[in-house]
Amino acid sequence: MKPTILFGLVLSAAAAAQPVDLASARMRPVNREVTRIPERGGVHVSAAAGPGVAWIEGTDFGDGTIEVEVRGKDVMQQSFVGVAFHRQDDQTYEAVYVRPFNFRATDPARRNHAVQYMQVPAFDWPVLREKFPEEFERSVHPSIGPTDWVPLRVVVRGDRLQVFVGLVDNVTLQARKLGPLNRGMVGLWVGNNSDGDFANLRITPAR
């Protein structure tokens, strides 16, 4: 997507919640294309082999909260949607994402793999599942449909991270932070062979 309006967002430690207009935001896609969609003033990130990120130029996130609505598909192994943050480079960052095809899986093991936190490349999901089984993955509330627009909220405070999926008050996933990354750009993230829709992004630095 080639935006017509230059959008920059620089966040200070004392800033309030900052809505990001995705339709006009300046983005730098990696291994993906980004197009606008009419719904919710959002954008669509295309599918391709391997992971992809649409980095939002001008963002600088450390501790605080990232909120976004994501929409995936109920297609096995082809729907991974979430946010990337604390970018060091295009291959080194943290991410939280959901697997909508696991939201209502009848297999309890699959259902428990509905939301994931990782830090790549050192702590990608296969490494975490092998070395720290179930520590960085959780199920989501059964009311959430696999093709719904899903509110995703990530709260980072020091060495801890909390994830809320859906319109819930209780934490969906709480985990220790992985690796040394602590500041950097925010991006819209999709996984291998996955596309996704994104809307209503808000970034709130910690006070």
Protein backbone atom coordinates (compact mmCIF):
# COMPACT_ATOMS: atom_id res chain seq x y z
CA MET A 1 0.00 0.00 0.00
CA LYS A 2 1.28 3.49 -0.85
CA PRO A 3 -0.31 5.88 1.64
CA THR A 4 -1.28 9.33 0.49
CA ILE A 5 -0.73 10.86 3.90
CA LEU A 6 2.59 10.70 5.70
CA PHE A 7 1.89 9.38 9.18
CA GLY A 8 4.46 9.55 11.98
CA LEU A 9 3.98 8.53 15.59
CA VAL A 10 6.62 9.17 18.25
CA LEU A 11 5.59 8.10 21.73
CA SER A 12 7.03 9.45 24.96
CA ALA A 13 6.88 7.83 28.38
CA ALA A 14 4.19 10.29 29.48
CA ALA A 15 1.98 10.07 26.39
CA ALA A 16 -1.66 8.99 26.53
CA ALA A 17 -3.24 6.30 24.35
CA GLN A 18 -2.44 6.98 20.70
CA PRO A 19 -4.84 5.68 18.02
CA VAL A 20 -3.07 4.80 14.79
CA ASP A 21 -5.03 5.46 11.60
CA LEU A 22 -4.07 2.32 9.69
CA ALA A 23 -5.69 3.58 6.50
CA SER A 24 -3.20 6.45 6.27
CA ALA A 25 -0.29 5.13 8.31
CA ARG A 26 3.08 4.90 6.62
CA MET A 27 4.02 1.22 6.66
CA ARG A 28 7.01 -0.80 5.55
CA PRO A 29 5.83 -4.33 4.67
CA VAL A 30 8.26 -7.23 4.85
CA ASN A 31 7.35 -10.28 2.73
CA ARG A 32 3.76 -9.03 2.39
CA GLU A 33 1.51 -6.48 0.71
CA VAL A 34 -0.88 -4.20 2.60
CA THR A 35 -4.20 -2.95 1.22
CA ARG A 36 -7.01 -0.95 2.74
CA ILE A 37 -10.36 -2.55 3.55
CA PRO A 38 -13.66 -0.68 4.03
CA GLU A 39 -14.46 -2.32 7.35
CA ARG A 40 -13.44 -0.42 10.49
CA GLY A 41 -10.95 1.69 8.60
CA GLY A 42 -8.64 -1.29 8.60
CA VAL A 43 -6.07 -2.97 6.40
CA HIS A 44 -5.49 -6.41 4.93
CA VAL A 45 -2.06 -8.03 5.05
CA SER A 46 -1.61 -10.58 2.25
CA ALA A 47 -0.56 -14.23 2.49
CA ALA A 48 2.81 -15.66 1.46
CA ALA A 49 5.25 -18.37 2.47
CA GLY A 50 7.04 -17.53 5.69
CA PRO A 51 6.13 -14.89 8.28
CA GLY A 52 5.39 -11.30 7.33
CA VAL A 53 5.26 -7.97 9.13
CA ALA A 54 3.95 -4.54 8.18
CA TRP A 55 6.09 -2.23 10.32
CA ILE A 56 4.43 1.06 11.22
CA GLU A 57 6.92 3.82 10.62
CA GLY A 58 7.41 6.30 13.45
CA THR A 59 6.33 4.00 16.27
CA ASP A 60 8.71 3.53 19.18
CA PHE A 61 7.31 1.24 21.87
CA GLY A 62 8.93 0.15 25.12
CA ASP A 63 6.70 -0.65 28.11
CA GLY A 64 2.98 -0.08 27.83
CA THR A 65 -0.04 -1.45 25.98
CA ILE A 66 -0.75 -2.35 22.37
CA GLU A 67 -4.40 -2.87 21.38
CA VAL A 68 -5.65 -3.99 17.99
CA GLU A 69 -8.54 -5.87 16.42
CA VAL A 70 -7.51 -8.83 14.27
CA ARG A 71 -9.46 -11.14 12.00
CA GLY A 72 -8.24 -14.46 10.67
CA LYS A 73 -9.76 -17.59 9.14
CA ASP A 74 -10.90 -21.01 10.30
CA VAL A 75 -8.39 -22.76 8.04
CA MET A 76 -5.99 -25.24 9.61
CA GLN A 77 -2.38 -23.99 9.66
CA GLN A 78 -3.21 -20.98 7.47
CA SER A 79 -4.26 -18.31 9.94
CA PHE A 80 -1.80 -16.66 12.32
CA VAL A 81 -2.52 -13.00 13.11
CA GLY A 82 -1.14 -10.63 15.72
CA VAL A 83 1.32 -7.86 16.52
CA ALA A 84 5.08 -7.59 16.47
CA PHE A 85 6.97 -5.16 18.70
CA HIS A 86 10.41 -4.27 20.07
CA ARG A 87 11.90 -4.55 16.58
CA GLN A 88 15.67 -4.82 16.39
CA ASP A 89 15.61 -5.74 12.70
CA ASP A 90 13.25 -7.52 10.30
CA GLN A 91 14.15 -10.93 11.72
CA THR A 92 14.56 -10.00 15.40
CA TYR A 93 11.51 -8.90 17.40
CA GLU A 94 8.80 -10.06 19.80
CA ALA A 95 5.30 -11.04 18.75
CA VAL A 96 1.94 -12.09 20.15
CA TYR A 97 -0.53 -13.75 17.84
CA VAL A 98 -3.61 -15.94 17.70
CA ARG A 99 -4.38 -19.12 15.78
CA PRO A 100 -8.12 -18.80 15.04
CA PHE A 101 -8.40 -22.36 13.70
CA ASN A 102 -7.61 -23.57 17.24
CA PHE A 103 -10.15 -21.39 19.07
CA ARG A 104 -12.84 -24.09 19.21
CA ALA A 105 -10.83 -27.21 18.42
CA THR A 106 -12.17 -30.40 19.96
CA ASP A 107 -8.63 -31.55 20.75
CA PRO A 108 -7.66 -29.94 24.11
CA ALA A 109 -3.99 -29.71 23.08
CA ARG A 110 -4.87 -27.74 19.95
CA ARG A 111 -7.30 -25.55 21.86
CA ASN A 112 -4.52 -24.66 24.31
CA HIS A 113 -2.44 -23.40 21.36
CA ALA A 114 -4.86 -20.58 20.48
CA VAL A 115 -2.63 -17.66 21.53
CA GLN A 116 1.18 -17.51 21.40
CA TYR A 117 3.95 -15.22 22.61
CA MET A 118 7.46 -15.55 21.12
CA GLN A 119 10.71 -13.72 20.47
CA VAL A 120 12.36 -14.52 17.18
CA PRO A 121 14.71 -15.88 16.08
CA ALA A 122 15.99 -17.26 19.40
CA PHE A 123 12.62 -18.24 20.87
CA ASP A 124 10.40 -19.09 17.93
CA TRP A 125 7.30 -21.15 18.69
CA PRO A 126 8.79 -24.61 17.92
CA VAL A 127 11.63 -23.97 20.39
CA LEU A 128 9.21 -22.78 23.05
CA ARG A 129 6.83 -25.70 22.58
CA GLU A 130 9.72 -28.16 22.88
CA LYS A 131 11.63 -26.58 25.76
CA PHE A 132 8.86 -24.80 27.67
CA PRO A 133 5.64 -26.67 26.83
CA GLU A 134 2.44 -24.74 27.57
CA GLU A 135 4.30 -21.81 29.19
CA PHE A 136 3.88 -19.38 26.30
CA GLU A 137 0.56 -20.60 24.82
CA ARG A 138 -3.01 -20.60 26.07
CA SER A 139 -6.61 -21.19 25.04
CA VAL A 140 -9.08 -18.34 24.51
CA HIS A 141 -12.63 -17.85 25.74
CA PRO A 142 -14.99 -20.28 23.93
CA SER A 143 -17.32 -17.44 22.94
CA ILE A 144 -14.74 -16.12 20.46
CA GLY A 145 -15.40 -17.32 16.91
CA PRO A 146 -12.52 -18.17 14.56
CA THR A 147 -13.70 -15.68 11.91
CA ASP A 148 -14.66 -12.87 14.32
CA TRP A 149 -12.96 -9.53 14.68
CA VAL A 150 -11.01 -10.26 17.86
CA PRO A 151 -9.71 -7.59 20.27
CA LEU A 152 -6.08 -8.33 21.15
CA ARG A 153 -4.38 -6.44 23.98
CA VAL A 154 -0.72 -6.85 24.93
CA VAL A 155 0.59 -5.27 28.13
CA VAL A 156 4.36 -5.10 28.67
CA ARG A 157 5.76 -4.16 32.08
CA GLY A 158 9.45 -4.76 32.66
CA ASP A 159 10.15 -8.48 32.55
CA ARG A 160 6.49 -9.53 32.41
CA LEU A 161 3.90 -9.62 29.64
CA GLN A 162 0.12 -10.04 29.74
CA VAL A 163 -2.18 -10.85 26.85
CA PHE A 164 -5.95 -10.34 26.74
CA VAL A 165 -7.87 -11.93 23.86
CA GLY A 166 -11.48 -10.93 23.32
CA LEU A 167 -13.63 -8.63 25.45
CA VAL A 168 -12.37 -10.11 28.70
CA ASP A 169 -11.22 -8.71 32.04
CA ASN A 170 -9.16 -11.74 33.02
CA VAL A 171 -5.68 -12.30 31.59
CA THR A 172 -5.60 -14.87 28.77
CA LEU A 173 -1.83 -15.41 28.88
CA GLN A 174 0.72 -14.17 31.41
CA ALA A 175 4.39 -14.88 30.81
CA ARG A 176 7.93 -13.79 31.49
CA LYS A 177 9.46 -11.74 28.73
CA LEU A 178 11.91 -13.53 26.48
CA GLY A 179 15.28 -12.19 25.38
CA PRO A 180 16.88 -8.76 25.79
CA LEU A 181 14.68 -6.66 23.47
CA ASN A 182 12.97 -3.76 25.21
CA ARG A 183 12.20 -1.06 22.64
CA GLY A 184 11.41 -0.68 18.97
CA MET A 185 8.82 -0.41 16.23
CA VAL A 186 5.36 -1.97 16.27
CA GLY A 187 4.08 -4.01 13.32
CA LEU A 188 1.11 -6.01 12.07
CA TRP A 189 2.20 -9.65 12.01
CA VAL A 190 1.03 -12.71 10.08
CA GLY A 191 2.52 -16.20 10.00
CA ASN A 192 3.47 -18.73 7.35
CA ASN A 193 0.92 -18.95 4.51
CA SER A 194 -1.36 -16.61 6.43
CA ASP A 195 -3.08 -13.34 5.67
CA GLY A 196 -5.09 -11.24 8.10
CA ASP A 197 -7.18 -8.15 8.69
CA PHE A 198 -6.32 -5.44 11.23
CA ALA A 199 -8.18 -2.43 12.63
CA ASN A 200 -8.33 0.02 15.53
CA LEU A 201 -4.71 -0.05 16.61
CA ARG A 202 -3.89 1.90 19.77
CA ILE A 203 -0.51 2.23 21.48
CA THR A 204 -0.27 3.44 25.08
CA PRO A 205 3.17 3.95 26.61
CA ALA A 206 3.60 3.16 30.30
CA ARG A 207 3.48 6.18 32.59
